[in-house]
PDB file of N, CA and C in Angstrom:
ATOM      1  N   UNK A   1     -27.831 104.329  80.018  1.00  0.00           N
ATOM      2  CA  UNK A   1     -27.622 105.548  80.778  1.00  0.00           C
ATOM      3  C   UNK A   1     -26.566 106.404  80.075  1.00  0.00           C
ATOM      4  N   UNK A   2     -26.808 107.686  79.999  1.00  0.00           N
ATOM      5  CA  UNK A   2     -25.872 108.603  79.338  1.00  0.00           C
ATOM      6  C   UNK A   2     -24.616 108.818  80.165  1.00  0.00           C
ATOM      7  N   UNK A   3     -23.482 108.841  79.463  1.00  0.00           N
ATOM      8  CA  UNK A   3     -22.203 109.189  80.078  1.00  0.00           C
ATOM      9  C   UNK A   3     -21.692 110.447  79.382  1.00  0.00           C
ATOM     10  N   UNK A   4     -21.287 111.404  80.145  1.00  0.00           N
ATOM     11  CA  UNK A   4     -20.748 112.652  79.579  1.00  0.00           C
ATOM     12  C   UNK A   4     -19.377 112.364  78.987  1.00  0.00           C
ATOM     13  N   UNK A   5     -19.155 112.820  77.755  1.00  0.00           N
ATOM     14  CA  UNK A   5     -17.851 112.696  77.105  1.00  0.00           C
ATOM     15  C   UNK A   5     -17.148 114.047  77.009  1.00  0.00           C
ATOM     16  N   UNK A   6     -17.910 115.121  76.993  1.00  0.00           N
ATOM     17  CA  UNK A   6     -17.301 116.450  76.914  1.00  0.00           C
ATOM     18  C   UNK A   6     -16.842 116.885  78.302  1.00  0.00           C
ATOM     19  N   UNK A   7     -15.974 117.852  78.315  1.00  0.00           N
ATOM     20  CA  UNK A   7     -15.434 118.346  79.580  1.00  0.00           C
ATOM     21  C   UNK A   7     -16.524 119.032  80.399  1.00  0.00           C
ATOM     22  N   UNK A   8     -16.417 118.938  81.704  1.00  0.00           N
ATOM     23  CA  UNK A   8     -17.379 119.579  82.600  1.00  0.00           C
ATOM     24  C   UNK A   8     -17.278 121.108  82.488  1.00  0.00           C
ATOM     25  N   UNK A   9     -16.130 121.598  82.024  1.00  0.00           N
ATOM     26  CA  UNK A   9     -15.913 123.045  81.920  1.00  0.00           C
ATOM     27  C   UNK A   9     -16.432 123.640  80.613  1.00  0.00           C
ATOM     28  N   UNK A  10     -17.022 122.843  79.742  1.00  0.00           N
ATOM     29  CA  UNK A  10     -17.511 123.349  78.454  1.00  0.00           C
ATOM     30  C   UNK A  10     -18.465 124.531  78.609  1.00  0.00           C
ATOM     31  N   UNK A  11     -19.487 124.473  79.478  1.00  0.00           N
ATOM     32  CA  UNK A  11     -20.372 125.648  79.615  1.00  0.00           C
ATOM     33  C   UNK A  11     -19.631 126.895  80.096  1.00  0.00           C
ATOM     34  N   UNK A  12     -18.635 126.712  80.940  1.00  0.00           N
ATOM     35  CA  UNK A  12     -17.855 127.855  81.418  1.00  0.00           C
ATOM     36  C   UNK A  12     -17.150 128.530  80.248  1.00  0.00           C
ATOM     37  N   UNK A  13     -16.468 127.752  79.415  1.00  0.00           N
ATOM     38  CA  UNK A  13     -15.744 128.320  78.277  1.00  0.00           C
ATOM     39  C   UNK A  13     -16.675 128.852  77.202  1.00  0.00           C
ATOM     40  N   UNK A  14     -17.850 128.271  77.078  1.00  0.00           N
ATOM     41  CA  UNK A  14     -18.790 128.683  76.035  1.00  0.00           C
ATOM     42  C   UNK A  14     -19.571 129.942  76.422  1.00  0.00           C
ATOM     43  N   UNK A  15     -19.965 130.067  77.698  1.00  0.00           N
ATOM     44  CA  UNK A  15     -20.860 131.148  78.110  1.00  0.00           C
ATOM     45  C   UNK A  15     -20.234 132.119  79.114  1.00  0.00           C
ATOM     46  N   UNK A  16     -19.652 131.611  80.172  1.00  0.00           N
ATOM     47  CA  UNK A  16     -19.233 132.444  81.301  1.00  0.00           C
ATOM     48  C   UNK A  16     -17.985 133.260  80.989  1.00  0.00           C
ATOM     49  N   UNK A  17     -16.933 132.632  80.491  1.00  0.00           N
ATOM     50  CA  UNK A  17     -15.682 133.345  80.249  1.00  0.00           C
ATOM     51  C   UNK A  17     -15.839 134.491  79.257  1.00  0.00           C
ATOM     52  N   UNK A  18     -16.472 134.290  78.088  1.00  0.00           N
ATOM     53  CA  UNK A  18     -16.653 135.452  77.192  1.00  0.00           C
ATOM     54  C   UNK A  18     -17.499 136.569  77.815  1.00  0.00           C
ATOM     55  N   UNK A  19     -18.506 136.217  78.601  1.00  0.00           N
ATOM     56  CA  UNK A  19     -19.355 137.237  79.228  1.00  0.00           C
ATOM     57  C   UNK A  19     -18.579 138.035  80.278  1.00  0.00           C
ATOM     58  N   UNK A  20     -17.789 137.345  81.081  1.00  0.00           N
ATOM     59  CA  UNK A  20     -16.979 138.042  82.095  1.00  0.00           C
ATOM     60  C   UNK A  20     -15.973 138.957  81.419  1.00  0.00           C
ATOM     61  N   UNK A  21     -15.311 138.454  80.378  1.00  0.00           N
ATOM     62  CA  UNK A  21     -14.304 139.263  79.697  1.00  0.00           C
ATOM     63  C   UNK A  21     -14.945 140.485  79.045  1.00  0.00           C
ATOM     64  N   UNK A  22     -16.110 140.298  78.438  1.00  0.00           N
ATOM     65  CA  UNK A  22     -16.800 141.424  77.812  1.00  0.00           C
ATOM     66  C   UNK A  22     -17.199 142.458  78.858  1.00  0.00           C
ATOM     67  N   UNK A  23     -17.739 142.018  79.978  1.00  0.00           N
ATOM     68  CA  UNK A  23     -18.129 142.947  81.036  1.00  0.00           C
ATOM     69  C   UNK A  23     -16.918 143.694  81.587  1.00  0.00           C
ATOM     70  N   UNK A  24     -15.823 142.981  81.795  1.00  0.00           N
ATOM     71  CA  UNK A  24     -14.610 143.634  82.299  1.00  0.00           C
ATOM     72  C   UNK A  24     -14.054 144.625  81.278  1.00  0.00           C
ATOM     73  N   UNK A  25     -14.083 144.256  80.002  1.00  0.00           N
ATOM     74  CA  UNK A  25     -13.598 145.158  78.953  1.00  0.00           C
ATOM     75  C   UNK A  25     -14.428 146.428  78.884  1.00  0.00           C
ATOM     76  N   UNK A  26     -15.741 146.277  78.949  1.00  0.00           N
ATOM     77  CA  UNK A  26     -16.611 147.451  78.920  1.00  0.00           C
ATOM     78  C   UNK A  26     -16.400 148.333  80.144  1.00  0.00           C
ATOM     79  N   UNK A  27     -16.190 147.708  81.294  1.00  0.00           N
ATOM     80  CA  UNK A  27     -15.941 148.479  82.516  1.00  0.00           C
ATOM     81  C   UNK A  27     -14.640 149.272  82.396  1.00  0.00           C
ATOM     82  N   UNK A  28     -13.606 148.654  81.865  1.00  0.00           N
ATOM     83  CA  UNK A  28     -12.326 149.353  81.697  1.00  0.00           C
ATOM     84  C   UNK A  28     -12.485 150.512  80.716  1.00  0.00           C
ATOM     85  N   UNK A  29     -13.210 150.285  79.628  1.00  0.00           N
ATOM     86  CA  UNK A  29     -13.424 151.348  78.643  1.00  0.00           C
ATOM     87  C   UNK A  29     -14.167 152.529  79.279  1.00  0.00           C
ATOM     88  N   UNK A  30     -15.213 152.226  80.051  1.00  0.00           N
ATOM     89  CA  UNK A  30     -15.989 153.295  80.691  1.00  0.00           C
ATOM     90  C   UNK A  30     -15.145 154.053  81.712  1.00  0.00           C
ATOM     91  N   UNK A  31     -14.343 153.333  82.475  1.00  0.00           N
ATOM     92  CA  UNK A  31     -13.515 153.991  83.492  1.00  0.00           C
ATOM     93  C   UNK A  31     -12.392 154.823  82.875  1.00  0.00           C
ATOM     94  N   UNK A  32     -11.869 154.402  81.739  1.00  0.00           N
ATOM     95  CA  UNK A  32     -10.729 155.088  81.152  1.00  0.00           C
ATOM     96  C   UNK A  32     -11.100 156.080  80.066  1.00  0.00           C
ATOM     97  N   UNK A  33     -12.380 156.189  79.763  1.00  0.00           N
ATOM     98  CA  UNK A  33     -12.782 157.100  78.681  1.00  0.00           C
ATOM     99  C   UNK A  33     -12.369 158.519  79.045  1.00  0.00           C
ATOM    100  N   UNK A  34     -11.750 159.180  78.137  1.00  0.00           N
ATOM    101  CA  UNK A  34     -11.287 160.544  78.369  1.00  0.00           C
ATOM    102  C   UNK A  34      -9.908 160.627  78.980  1.00  0.00           C
ATOM    103  N   UNK A  35      -9.373 159.530  79.501  1.00  0.00           N
ATOM    104  CA  UNK A  35      -8.053 159.554  80.120  1.00  0.00           C
ATOM    105  C   UNK A  35      -6.963 159.061  79.179  1.00  0.00           C
ATOM    106  N   UNK A  36      -7.361 158.356  78.141  1.00  0.00           N
ATOM    107  CA  UNK A  36      -6.377 157.833  77.199  1.00  0.00           C
ATOM    108  C   UNK A  36      -6.401 158.653  75.919  1.00  0.00           C
ATOM    109  N   UNK A  37      -5.230 158.845  75.306  1.00  0.00           N
ATOM    110  CA  UNK A  37      -5.189 159.666  74.096  1.00  0.00           C
ATOM    111  C   UNK A  37      -5.909 159.019  72.908  1.00  0.00           C
ATOM    112  N   UNK A  38      -5.905 157.699  72.811  1.00  0.00           N
ATOM    113  CA  UNK A  38      -6.519 157.037  71.669  1.00  0.00           C
ATOM    114  C   UNK A  38      -7.496 155.972  72.172  1.00  0.00           C
ATOM    115  N   UNK A  39      -8.664 156.397  72.619  1.00  0.00           N
ATOM    116  CA  UNK A  39      -9.636 155.477  73.211  1.00  0.00           C
ATOM    117  C   UNK A  39     -10.155 154.468  72.186  1.00  0.00           C
ATOM    118  N   UNK A  40     -10.176 154.830  70.898  1.00  0.00           N
ATOM    119  CA  UNK A  40     -10.659 153.901  69.877  1.00  0.00           C
ATOM    120  C   UNK A  40      -9.743 152.696  69.783  1.00  0.00           C
ATOM    121  N   UNK A  41      -8.438 152.909  69.820  1.00  0.00           N
ATOM    122  CA  UNK A  41      -7.485 151.797  69.764  1.00  0.00           C
ATOM    123  C   UNK A  41      -7.620 150.916  70.998  1.00  0.00           C
ATOM    124  N   UNK A  42      -7.706 151.513  72.162  1.00  0.00           N
ATOM    125  CA  UNK A  42      -7.855 150.746  73.389  1.00  0.00           C
ATOM    126  C   UNK A  42      -9.179 149.987  73.406  1.00  0.00           C
ATOM    127  N   UNK A  43     -10.224 150.595  72.896  1.00  0.00           N
ATOM    128  CA  UNK A  43     -11.513 149.905  72.826  1.00  0.00           C
ATOM    129  C   UNK A  43     -11.413 148.672  71.944  1.00  0.00           C
ATOM    130  N   UNK A  44     -10.751 148.825  70.812  1.00  0.00           N
ATOM    131  CA  UNK A  44     -10.566 147.682  69.917  1.00  0.00           C
ATOM    132  C   UNK A  44      -9.759 146.582  70.594  1.00  0.00           C
ATOM    133  N   UNK A  45      -8.679 146.962  71.252  1.00  0.00           N
ATOM    134  CA  UNK A  45      -7.831 145.973  71.920  1.00  0.00           C
ATOM    135  C   UNK A  45      -8.562 145.264  73.061  1.00  0.00           C
ATOM    136  N   UNK A  46      -9.461 145.967  73.727  1.00  0.00           N
ATOM    137  CA  UNK A  46     -10.186 145.356  74.838  1.00  0.00           C
ATOM    138  C   UNK A  46     -11.389 144.540  74.383  1.00  0.00           C
ATOM    139  N   UNK A  47     -12.004 144.922  73.280  1.00  0.00           N
ATOM    140  CA  UNK A  47     -13.201 144.224  72.817  1.00  0.00           C
ATOM    141  C   UNK A  47     -12.894 143.072  71.855  1.00  0.00           C
ATOM    142  N   UNK A  48     -11.714 143.048  71.290  1.00  0.00           N
ATOM    143  CA  UNK A  48     -11.365 141.979  70.367  1.00  0.00           C
ATOM    144  C   UNK A  48     -11.298 140.601  71.039  1.00  0.00           C
ATOM    145  N   UNK A  49     -10.682 140.453  72.212  1.00  0.00           N
ATOM    146  CA  UNK A  49     -10.646 139.125  72.833  1.00  0.00           C
ATOM    147  C   UNK A  49     -12.016 138.489  73.083  1.00  0.00           C
ATOM    148  N   UNK A  50     -13.030 139.206  73.624  1.00  0.00           N
ATOM    149  CA  UNK A  50     -14.310 138.523  73.808  1.00  0.00           C
ATOM    150  C   UNK A  50     -14.972 138.130  72.487  1.00  0.00           C
ATOM    151  N   UNK A  51     -14.750 138.928  71.453  1.00  0.00           N
ATOM    152  CA  UNK A  51     -15.316 138.574  70.141  1.00  0.00           C
ATOM    153  C   UNK A  51     -14.641 137.302  69.620  1.00  0.00           C
ATOM    154  N   UNK A  52     -13.322 137.228  69.757  1.00  0.00           N
ATOM    155  CA  UNK A  52     -12.613 136.031  69.322  1.00  0.00           C
ATOM    156  C   UNK A  52     -12.992 134.818  70.172  1.00  0.00           C
ATOM    157  N   UNK A  53     -13.170 135.033  71.475  1.00  0.00           N
ATOM    158  CA  UNK A  53     -13.602 133.935  72.337  1.00  0.00           C
ATOM    159  C   UNK A  53     -14.962 133.412  71.909  1.00  0.00           C
ATOM    160  N   UNK A  54     -15.882 134.313  71.644  1.00  0.00           N
ATOM    161  CA  UNK A  54     -17.214 133.888  71.215  1.00  0.00           C
ATOM    162  C   UNK A  54     -17.124 133.108  69.903  1.00  0.00           C
ATOM    163  N   UNK A  55     -16.265 133.558  68.992  1.00  0.00           N
ATOM    164  CA  UNK A  55     -16.137 132.871  67.700  1.00  0.00           C
ATOM    165  C   UNK A  55     -15.560 131.471  67.878  1.00  0.00           C
ATOM    166  N   UNK A  56     -14.529 131.340  68.693  1.00  0.00           N
ATOM    167  CA  UNK A  56     -13.884 130.039  68.846  1.00  0.00           C
ATOM    168  C   UNK A  56     -14.572 129.132  69.859  1.00  0.00           C
ATOM    169  N   UNK A  57     -15.213 129.697  70.880  1.00  0.00           N
ATOM    170  CA  UNK A  57     -15.837 128.867  71.896  1.00  0.00           C
ATOM    171  C   UNK A  57     -17.296 128.549  71.586  1.00  0.00           C
ATOM    172  N   UNK A  58     -17.948 129.313  70.729  1.00  0.00           N
ATOM    173  CA  UNK A  58     -19.347 129.042  70.391  1.00  0.00           C
ATOM    174  C   UNK A  58     -19.551 127.650  69.811  1.00  0.00           C
ATOM    175  N   UNK A  59     -18.603 127.095  69.036  1.00  0.00           N
ATOM    176  CA  UNK A  59     -18.821 125.751  68.506  1.00  0.00           C
ATOM    177  C   UNK A  59     -18.693 124.630  69.545  1.00  0.00           C
ATOM    178  N   UNK A  60     -18.281 124.945  70.770  1.00  0.00           N
ATOM    179  CA  UNK A  60     -18.147 123.890  71.767  1.00  0.00           C
ATOM    180  C   UNK A  60     -19.479 123.187  71.978  1.00  0.00           C
ATOM    181  N   UNK A  61     -19.435 121.885  72.111  1.00  0.00           N
ATOM    182  CA  UNK A  61     -20.638 121.072  72.222  1.00  0.00           C
ATOM    183  C   UNK A  61     -20.627 120.253  73.508  1.00  0.00           C
ATOM    184  N   UNK A  62     -21.824 119.931  73.958  1.00  0.00           N
ATOM    185  CA  UNK A  62     -22.000 118.937  75.014  1.00  0.00           C
ATOM    186  C   UNK A  62     -22.105 117.590  74.305  1.00  0.00           C
ATOM    187  N   UNK A  63     -21.278 116.632  74.690  1.00  0.00           N
ATOM    188  CA  UNK A  63     -21.287 115.314  74.056  1.00  0.00           C
ATOM    189  C   UNK A  63     -21.455 114.261  75.136  1.00  0.00           C
ATOM    190  N   UNK A  64     -22.392 113.355  74.899  1.00  0.00           N
ATOM    191  CA  UNK A  64     -22.628 112.235  75.800  1.00  0.00           C
ATOM    192  C   UNK A  64     -22.872 110.989  74.952  1.00  0.00           C
ATOM    193  N   UNK A  65     -22.845 109.843  75.587  1.00  0.00           N
ATOM    194  CA  UNK A  65     -23.065 108.589  74.866  1.00  0.00           C
ATOM    195  C   UNK A  65     -23.752 107.589  75.780  1.00  0.00           C
ATOM    196  N   UNK A  66     -24.514 106.701  75.166  1.00  0.00           N
ATOM    197  CA  UNK A  66     -25.020 105.529  75.875  1.00  0.00           C
ATOM    198  C   UNK A  66     -24.616 104.311  75.041  1.00  0.00           C
ATOM    199  N   UNK A  67     -25.278 103.193  75.233  1.00  0.00           N
ATOM    200  CA  UNK A  67     -24.866 101.970  74.555  1.00  0.00           C
ATOM    201  C   UNK A  67     -25.072 102.023  73.043  1.00  0.00           C
ATOM    202  N   UNK A  68     -26.041 102.774  72.566  1.00  0.00           N
ATOM    203  CA  UNK A  68     -26.352 102.757  71.135  1.00  0.00           C
ATOM    204  C   UNK A  68     -26.178 104.094  70.437  1.00  0.00           C
ATOM    205  N   UNK A  69     -26.229 105.196  71.149  1.00  0.00           N
ATOM    206  CA  UNK A  69     -26.225 106.503  70.501  1.00  0.00           C
ATOM    207  C   UNK A  69     -25.208 107.454  71.124  1.00  0.00           C
ATOM    208  N   UNK A  70     -24.835 108.438  70.319  1.00  0.00           N
ATOM    209  CA  UNK A  70     -24.127 109.614  70.812  1.00  0.00           C
ATOM    210  C   UNK A  70     -25.145 110.733  70.938  1.00  0.00           C
ATOM    211  N   UNK A  71     -24.909 111.653  71.827  1.00  0.00           N
ATOM    212  CA  UNK A  71     -25.771 112.822  72.001  1.00  0.00           C
ATOM    213  C   UNK A  71     -24.877 114.048  71.891  1.00  0.00           C
ATOM    214  N   UNK A  72     -25.092 114.832  70.851  1.00  0.00           N
ATOM    215  CA  UNK A  72     -24.282 116.023  70.612  1.00  0.00           C
ATOM    216  C   UNK A  72     -25.214 117.217  70.648  1.00  0.00           C
ATOM    217  N   UNK A  73     -24.892 118.176  71.519  1.00  0.00           N
ATOM    218  CA  UNK A  73     -25.770 119.327  71.703  1.00  0.00           C
ATOM    219  C   UNK A  73     -24.954 120.606  71.721  1.00  0.00           C
ATOM    220  N   UNK A  74     -25.511 121.666  71.123  1.00  0.00           N
ATOM    221  CA  UNK A  74     -24.904 122.991  71.231  1.00  0.00           C
ATOM    222  C   UNK A  74     -25.672 123.819  72.268  1.00  0.00           C
ATOM    223  N   UNK A  75     -26.406 123.160  73.142  1.00  0.00           N
ATOM    224  CA  UNK A  75     -27.218 123.732  74.216  1.00  0.00           C
ATOM    225  C   UNK A  75     -28.519 124.340  73.716  1.00  0.00           C
ATOM    226  N   UNK A  76     -28.756 124.319  72.408  1.00  0.00           N
ATOM    227  CA  UNK A  76     -30.045 124.710  71.846  1.00  0.00           C
ATOM    228  C   UNK A  76     -30.697 123.530  71.134  1.00  0.00           C
ATOM    229  N   UNK A  77     -29.900 122.798  70.373  1.00  0.00           N
ATOM    230  CA  UNK A  77     -30.382 121.654  69.616  1.00  0.00           C
ATOM    231  C   UNK A  77     -29.530 120.438  69.950  1.00  0.00           C
ATOM    232  N   UNK A  78     -30.137 119.276  69.799  1.00  0.00           N
ATOM    233  CA  UNK A  78     -29.409 118.040  70.064  1.00  0.00           C
ATOM    234  C   UNK A  78     -29.593 117.097  68.888  1.00  0.00           C
ATOM    235  N   UNK A  79     -28.513 116.457  68.490  1.00  0.00           N
ATOM    236  CA  UNK A  79     -28.587 115.431  67.464  1.00  0.00           C
ATOM    237  C   UNK A  79     -28.146 114.112  68.085  1.00  0.00           C
ATOM    238  N   UNK A  80     -28.723 113.016  67.627  1.00  0.00           N
ATOM    239  CA  UNK A  80     -28.480 111.712  68.234  1.00  0.00           C
ATOM    240  C   UNK A  80     -28.119 110.668  67.179  1.00  0.00           C
ATOM    241  N   UNK A  81     -26.894 110.721  66.641  1.00  0.00           N
ATOM    242  CA  UNK A  81     -26.510 109.693  65.673  1.00  0.00           C
ATOM    243  C   UNK A  81     -26.248 108.363  66.383  1.00  0.00           C
ATOM    244  N   UNK A  82     -26.432 107.276  65.641  1.00  0.00           N
ATOM    245  CA  UNK A  82     -26.084 105.969  66.197  1.00  0.00           C
ATOM    246  C   UNK A  82     -24.567 105.856  66.283  1.00  0.00           C
ATOM    247  N   UNK A  83     -24.094 105.190  67.331  1.00  0.00           N
ATOM    248  CA  UNK A  83     -22.653 105.044  67.516  1.00  0.00           C
ATOM    249  C   UNK A  83     -22.026 104.261  66.382  1.00  0.00           C
ATOM    250  N   UNK A  84     -22.738 103.286  65.848  1.00  0.00           N
ATOM    251  CA  UNK A  84     -22.160 102.471  64.776  1.00  0.00           C
ATOM    252  C   UNK A  84     -21.919 103.310  63.522  1.00  0.00           C
ATOM    253  N   UNK A  85     -22.740 104.340  63.290  1.00  0.00           N
ATOM    254  CA  UNK A  85     -22.513 105.183  62.114  1.00  0.00           C
ATOM    255  C   UNK A  85     -21.283 106.060  62.300  1.00  0.00           C
ATOM    256  N   UNK A  86     -20.984 106.446  63.521  1.00  0.00           N
ATOM    257  CA  UNK A  86     -19.798 107.241  63.794  1.00  0.00           C
ATOM    258  C   UNK A  86     -18.556 106.353  63.754  1.00  0.00           C
ATOM    259  N   UNK A  87     -18.645 105.178  64.329  1.00  0.00           N
ATOM    260  CA  UNK A  87     -17.508 104.261  64.373  1.00  0.00           C
ATOM    261  C   UNK A  87     -17.138 103.763  62.978  1.00  0.00           C
ATOM    262  N   UNK A  88     -18.107 103.715  62.060  1.00  0.00           N
ATOM    263  CA  UNK A  88     -17.804 103.217  60.719  1.00  0.00           C
ATOM    264  C   UNK A  88     -17.186 104.302  59.844  1.00  0.00           C
ATOM    265  N   UNK A  89     -17.069 105.508  60.341  1.00  0.00           N
ATOM    266  CA  UNK A  89     -16.408 106.562  59.597  1.00  0.00           C
ATOM    267  C   UNK A  89     -17.340 107.441  58.788  1.00  0.00           C
ATOM    268  N   UNK A  90     -18.623 107.196  58.819  1.00  0.00           N
ATOM    269  CA  UNK A  90     -19.554 108.067  58.112  1.00  0.00           C
ATOM    270  C   UNK A  90     -19.704 109.373  58.870  1.00  0.00           C
ATOM    271  N   UNK A  91     -19.903 110.447  58.131  1.00  0.00           N
ATOM    272  CA  UNK A  91     -20.078 111.746  58.776  1.00  0.00           C
ATOM    273  C   UNK A  91     -21.443 112.307  58.441  1.00  0.00           C
ATOM    274  N   UNK A  92     -21.926 113.140  59.307  1.00  0.00           N
ATOM    275  CA  UNK A  92     -23.198 113.810  59.088  1.00  0.00           C
ATOM    276  C   UNK A  92     -22.903 115.205  58.563  1.00  0.00           C
ATOM    277  N   UNK A  93     -23.411 115.505  57.393  1.00  0.00           N
ATOM    278  CA  UNK A  93     -23.165 116.806  56.788  1.00  0.00           C
ATOM    279  C   UNK A  93     -24.086 117.816  57.456  1.00  0.00           C
ATOM    280  N   UNK A  94     -23.524 118.939  57.858  1.00  0.00           N
ATOM    281  CA  UNK A  94     -24.317 119.980  58.507  1.00  0.00           C
ATOM    282  C   UNK A  94     -23.485 121.229  58.642  1.00  0.00           C
ATOM    283  N   UNK A  95     -23.988 122.154  59.423  1.00  0.00           N
ATOM    284  CA  UNK A  95     -23.273 123.392  59.644  1.00  0.00           C
ATOM    285  C   UNK A  95     -22.288 123.206  60.781  1.00  0.00           C
ATOM    286  N   UNK A  96     -21.627 124.283  61.128  1.00  0.00           N
ATOM    287  CA  UNK A  96     -20.704 124.270  62.249  1.00  0.00           C
ATOM    288  C   UNK A  96     -21.436 124.010  63.556  1.00  0.00           C
ATOM    289  N   UNK A  97     -22.728 124.364  63.584  1.00  0.00           N
ATOM    290  CA  UNK A  97     -23.543 124.166  64.773  1.00  0.00           C
ATOM    291  C   UNK A  97     -24.483 122.994  64.532  1.00  0.00           C
ATOM    292  N   UNK A  98     -24.943 122.384  65.599  1.00  0.00           N
ATOM    293  CA  UNK A  98     -25.898 121.275  65.468  1.00  0.00           C
ATOM    294  C   UNK A  98     -27.174 121.766  64.807  1.00  0.00           C
ATOM    295  N   UNK A  99     -27.685 120.984  63.901  1.00  0.00           N
ATOM    296  CA  UNK A  99     -28.999 121.293  63.341  1.00  0.00           C
ATOM    297  C   UNK A  99     -29.928 120.176  63.746  1.00  0.00           C
ATOM    298  N   UNK A 100     -30.851 120.514  64.652  1.00  0.00           N
ATOM    299  CA  UNK A 100     -31.735 119.569  65.280  1.00  0.00           C
ATOM    300  C   UNK A 100     -32.376 118.678  64.340  1.00  0.00           C
TER     301      UNK A 100
END
């Protein structure tokens, strides 16, 4: 039976938080357009955090394990290495994201 090893909040940090921040940033930009002397600077300051969040939170993975395998997923693809290969120190060469 699979046991979750990753935090239950992983989907929130990966999907929900950047989307909420982006929506709030866009709303602030739309509401303040024309009222600020340098809207380009404010737009950059408001849009930079969601871009950085997406960059740093996109690599978050769902990780689970059973008696013989690990299950690592980026919510699109899943890889299933044997636990003994991970415990022995071998690594799987790939990209920053799971490659199915």
